Each structure stands twice: as structure tokens, then as C-alpha cells.
N, C-alpha and C. Protein backbone atom coordinates (compact mmCIF):
# COMPACT_ATOMS: atom_id res chain seq x y z
N MET A 1 27.34 -2.31 -19.01
CA MET A 1 25.99 -2.17 -18.53
C MET A 1 25.97 -2.22 -16.97
N LEU A 2 26.80 -3.08 -16.42
CA LEU A 2 26.83 -3.22 -14.98
C LEU A 2 27.37 -1.92 -14.36
N GLN A 3 28.35 -1.32 -14.99
CA GLN A 3 28.94 -0.08 -14.48
C GLN A 3 27.88 1.03 -14.49
N PHE A 4 27.02 1.06 -15.55
CA PHE A 4 25.97 2.05 -15.64
C PHE A 4 24.94 1.88 -14.54
N LEU A 5 24.55 0.64 -14.26
CA LEU A 5 23.59 0.35 -13.17
C LEU A 5 24.17 0.77 -11.84
N LYS A 6 25.45 0.49 -11.66
CA LYS A 6 26.11 0.87 -10.43
C LYS A 6 26.12 2.38 -10.25
N LEU A 7 26.33 3.09 -11.29
CA LEU A 7 26.38 4.59 -11.25
C LEU A 7 24.95 5.11 -10.93
N ILE A 8 23.92 4.51 -11.55
CA ILE A 8 22.53 4.94 -11.28
C ILE A 8 22.16 4.63 -9.86
N LEU A 9 22.58 3.49 -9.27
CA LEU A 9 22.26 3.12 -7.89
C LEU A 9 22.94 4.04 -6.92
N PHE A 10 24.16 4.42 -7.21
CA PHE A 10 24.84 5.35 -6.35
C PHE A 10 24.17 6.73 -6.33
N GLY A 11 23.74 7.20 -7.51
CA GLY A 11 22.98 8.43 -7.60
C GLY A 11 21.68 8.37 -6.80
N PHE A 12 20.97 7.29 -6.95
CA PHE A 12 19.75 7.07 -6.20
C PHE A 12 20.00 7.08 -4.70
N LEU A 13 21.10 6.41 -4.30
CA LEU A 13 21.45 6.35 -2.87
C LEU A 13 21.76 7.76 -2.36
N TYR A 14 22.49 8.58 -3.11
CA TYR A 14 22.80 9.93 -2.67
C TYR A 14 21.50 10.76 -2.53
N ILE A 15 20.54 10.59 -3.48
CA ILE A 15 19.31 11.30 -3.43
C ILE A 15 18.49 10.91 -2.17
N VAL A 16 18.48 9.64 -1.87
CA VAL A 16 17.73 9.14 -0.75
C VAL A 16 18.37 9.55 0.60
N LEU A 17 19.71 9.50 0.67
CA LEU A 17 20.41 9.76 1.94
C LEU A 17 20.70 11.21 2.20
N SER A 18 20.60 12.09 1.18
CA SER A 18 20.93 13.52 1.38
C SER A 18 20.05 14.17 2.42
N PRO A 19 18.74 13.91 2.54
CA PRO A 19 17.98 14.55 3.62
C PRO A 19 18.42 14.08 4.99
N VAL A 20 18.88 12.83 5.14
CA VAL A 20 19.36 12.34 6.42
C VAL A 20 20.61 13.03 6.78
N ILE A 21 21.54 13.23 5.83
CA ILE A 21 22.81 13.87 6.07
C ILE A 21 22.55 15.35 6.46
N VAL A 22 21.59 16.02 5.78
CA VAL A 22 21.28 17.41 6.09
C VAL A 22 20.67 17.51 7.48
N ALA A 23 19.85 16.54 7.88
CA ALA A 23 19.20 16.53 9.23
C ALA A 23 20.26 16.37 10.31
N VAL A 24 21.21 15.48 10.09
CA VAL A 24 22.28 15.23 11.06
C VAL A 24 23.15 16.50 11.20
N LEU A 25 23.47 17.13 10.08
CA LEU A 25 24.26 18.38 10.15
C LEU A 25 23.48 19.50 10.84
N ALA A 26 22.13 19.60 10.61
CA ALA A 26 21.35 20.55 11.28
C ALA A 26 21.26 20.35 12.79
N LEU A 27 21.18 19.11 13.20
CA LEU A 27 21.19 18.78 14.62
C LEU A 27 22.57 19.12 15.28
N ALA A 28 23.62 18.86 14.58
CA ALA A 28 24.95 19.19 15.09
C ALA A 28 25.12 20.71 15.19
N LEU A 29 24.59 21.43 14.18
CA LEU A 29 24.63 22.89 14.27
C LEU A 29 23.83 23.45 15.47
N ALA A 30 22.64 22.91 15.64
CA ALA A 30 21.82 23.35 16.76
C ALA A 30 22.49 23.06 18.10
N TYR A 31 23.04 21.85 18.25
CA TYR A 31 23.77 21.51 19.48
C TYR A 31 24.91 22.43 19.72
N GLY A 32 25.70 22.71 18.67
CA GLY A 32 26.86 23.57 18.83
C GLY A 32 26.47 24.97 19.24
N LEU A 33 25.39 25.49 18.63
CA LEU A 33 24.97 26.83 18.97
C LEU A 33 24.44 26.92 20.41
N ILE A 34 23.78 25.90 20.87
CA ILE A 34 23.27 25.84 22.27
C ILE A 34 24.46 25.81 23.25
N VAL A 35 25.45 25.00 22.97
CA VAL A 35 26.61 24.92 23.83
C VAL A 35 27.39 26.22 23.84
N PHE A 36 27.47 26.84 22.64
CA PHE A 36 28.19 28.13 22.57
C PHE A 36 27.55 29.19 23.43
N VAL A 37 26.18 29.28 23.32
CA VAL A 37 25.46 30.32 24.02
C VAL A 37 25.52 30.06 25.57
N LEU A 38 25.37 28.78 25.97
CA LEU A 38 25.46 28.45 27.42
C LEU A 38 26.85 28.78 27.97
N LEU A 39 27.90 28.43 27.23
CA LEU A 39 29.23 28.72 27.73
C LEU A 39 29.49 30.21 27.75
N PHE A 40 28.96 30.92 26.82
CA PHE A 40 29.08 32.38 26.79
C PHE A 40 28.44 32.96 28.02
N LEU A 41 27.24 32.56 28.34
CA LEU A 41 26.52 33.07 29.51
C LEU A 41 27.26 32.67 30.79
N LYS A 42 27.77 31.43 30.85
CA LYS A 42 28.53 31.01 32.01
C LYS A 42 29.77 31.82 32.21
N SER A 43 30.46 32.12 31.13
CA SER A 43 31.70 32.92 31.27
C SER A 43 31.38 34.32 31.69
N ILE A 44 30.26 34.88 31.26
CA ILE A 44 29.91 36.24 31.74
C ILE A 44 29.61 36.26 33.23
N VAL A 45 28.88 35.24 33.68
CA VAL A 45 28.58 35.15 35.15
C VAL A 45 29.84 34.98 35.94
N LEU A 46 30.74 34.09 35.51
CA LEU A 46 31.97 33.85 36.21
C LEU A 46 32.86 35.05 36.17
N PHE A 47 32.86 35.79 35.10
CA PHE A 47 33.73 36.94 34.96
C PHE A 47 33.30 38.05 36.01
N PHE A 48 32.02 38.27 36.14
CA PHE A 48 31.55 39.28 37.12
C PHE A 48 31.65 38.72 38.53
N GLY A 49 31.85 37.42 38.70
CA GLY A 49 32.07 36.84 40.01
C GLY A 49 33.54 36.79 40.38
N GLY A 50 34.39 37.23 39.50
CA GLY A 50 35.85 37.32 39.76
C GLY A 50 36.59 36.00 39.46
N ARG A 51 35.97 35.09 38.73
CA ARG A 51 36.60 33.85 38.37
C ARG A 51 36.67 33.70 36.87
N THR A 52 37.33 32.67 36.41
CA THR A 52 37.37 32.33 35.01
C THR A 52 36.69 31.02 34.76
N ILE A 53 36.46 30.70 33.51
CA ILE A 53 35.86 29.39 33.17
C ILE A 53 36.83 28.28 33.43
N PHE A 54 38.11 28.63 33.52
CA PHE A 54 39.20 27.61 33.75
C PHE A 54 39.66 27.53 35.21
N SER A 55 38.86 28.02 36.11
CA SER A 55 39.24 28.01 37.52
C SER A 55 39.32 26.53 38.03
N ASP A 56 40.10 26.38 39.09
CA ASP A 56 40.21 25.02 39.65
C ASP A 56 38.94 24.69 40.42
N TYR A 57 38.55 23.39 40.36
CA TYR A 57 37.45 22.88 41.14
C TYR A 57 37.92 22.64 42.57
N PRO A 58 37.03 22.53 43.53
CA PRO A 58 37.42 22.19 44.91
C PRO A 58 38.26 20.91 45.00
N GLU A 59 37.96 19.94 44.15
CA GLU A 59 38.74 18.71 44.17
C GLU A 59 40.20 18.98 43.73
N ASP A 60 40.35 19.86 42.73
CA ASP A 60 41.71 20.22 42.29
C ASP A 60 42.50 20.91 43.35
N ILE A 61 41.83 21.82 44.09
CA ILE A 61 42.51 22.53 45.17
C ILE A 61 42.96 21.58 46.26
N ALA A 62 42.06 20.64 46.63
CA ALA A 62 42.39 19.61 47.66
C ALA A 62 43.50 18.74 47.17
N ALA A 63 43.56 18.36 45.93
CA ALA A 63 44.64 17.51 45.38
C ALA A 63 45.97 18.27 45.41
N LYS A 64 45.93 19.55 45.07
CA LYS A 64 47.17 20.35 45.11
C LYS A 64 47.69 20.45 46.55
N ILE A 65 46.79 20.58 47.54
CA ILE A 65 47.22 20.66 48.94
C ILE A 65 47.90 19.34 49.32
N ILE A 66 47.26 18.22 48.99
CA ILE A 66 47.80 16.88 49.28
C ILE A 66 49.13 16.67 48.62
N LEU A 67 49.27 17.03 47.34
CA LEU A 67 50.55 16.88 46.66
C LEU A 67 51.59 17.78 47.23
N GLY A 68 51.23 18.96 47.67
CA GLY A 68 52.20 19.86 48.35
C GLY A 68 52.71 19.23 49.63
N GLN A 69 51.82 18.63 50.40
CA GLN A 69 52.25 17.99 51.66
C GLN A 69 53.13 16.80 51.39
N ILE A 70 52.85 16.04 50.33
CA ILE A 70 53.71 14.89 49.96
C ILE A 70 55.05 15.37 49.51
N ARG A 71 55.08 16.47 48.74
CA ARG A 71 56.32 17.00 48.22
C ARG A 71 57.18 17.53 49.38
N ASP A 72 56.51 18.24 50.37
CA ASP A 72 57.24 18.74 51.52
C ASP A 72 57.82 17.60 52.40
N SER A 73 57.04 16.57 52.61
CA SER A 73 57.50 15.48 53.47
C SER A 73 58.60 14.70 52.73
N GLY A 74 58.58 14.64 51.44
CA GLY A 74 59.60 13.92 50.67
C GLY A 74 60.91 14.69 50.63
N SER A 75 60.86 16.00 50.66
CA SER A 75 62.11 16.77 50.60
C SER A 75 62.78 16.74 52.01
N GLU A 76 61.95 16.62 53.07
CA GLU A 76 62.55 16.51 54.40
C GLU A 76 63.24 15.18 54.59
N ALA A 77 62.70 14.14 54.02
CA ALA A 77 63.29 12.81 54.20
C ALA A 77 64.59 12.71 53.40
N GLY A 78 64.77 13.49 52.34
CA GLY A 78 65.96 13.39 51.54
C GLY A 78 67.10 14.25 52.02
N THR A 79 66.89 15.07 53.00
CA THR A 79 67.97 15.97 53.50
C THR A 79 68.80 15.29 54.52
N VAL A 80 70.05 15.60 54.54
CA VAL A 80 71.03 14.98 55.49
C VAL A 80 71.28 16.08 56.58
N LYS A 81 71.14 15.66 57.86
CA LYS A 81 71.39 16.61 58.95
C LYS A 81 72.64 16.33 59.68
């Protein structure tokens, strides 16, 4: 009898929670579609601007310059004259 009541309660729980699950999935779908469309539009603008969506940011370029200077100064210190 206890097993039967447990089965009935689980069924009732699924019936009550299924609209919540559907609502969460619908919100995730809407969010995903919005992000997809915005990234698509951004990639079109960047493409016609001569860049890609994966271009380096100004901070990345500055960091590469600094790392290049450190690498050059380190190689000079390691050479024997």
C-alpha cells in the first residue's frame, strides 16, 4: 500500500512540476536564440570591418608587447659575449 501511495505522489509531483520545467526550458530557448542572433549580427559587422569575432582585445595586444619585451631582455641576459 505504501509503495502505491509513493507511486501516486510521484505522479502528482510530475504533473505539478511539468509546467515549471517547460517554462524553464522555454526561457533557456529564448535566451539561446537571442544570444545566437546577437552574435550573428556582431560577426557580420566585424566581418565587413575586416576583423573576426576572435580578434585580440587592446589589452591582449599590450600584454603581447610586454611579454615580447620580457622575452627579448631575457634572451640578451642569457647570451655569453
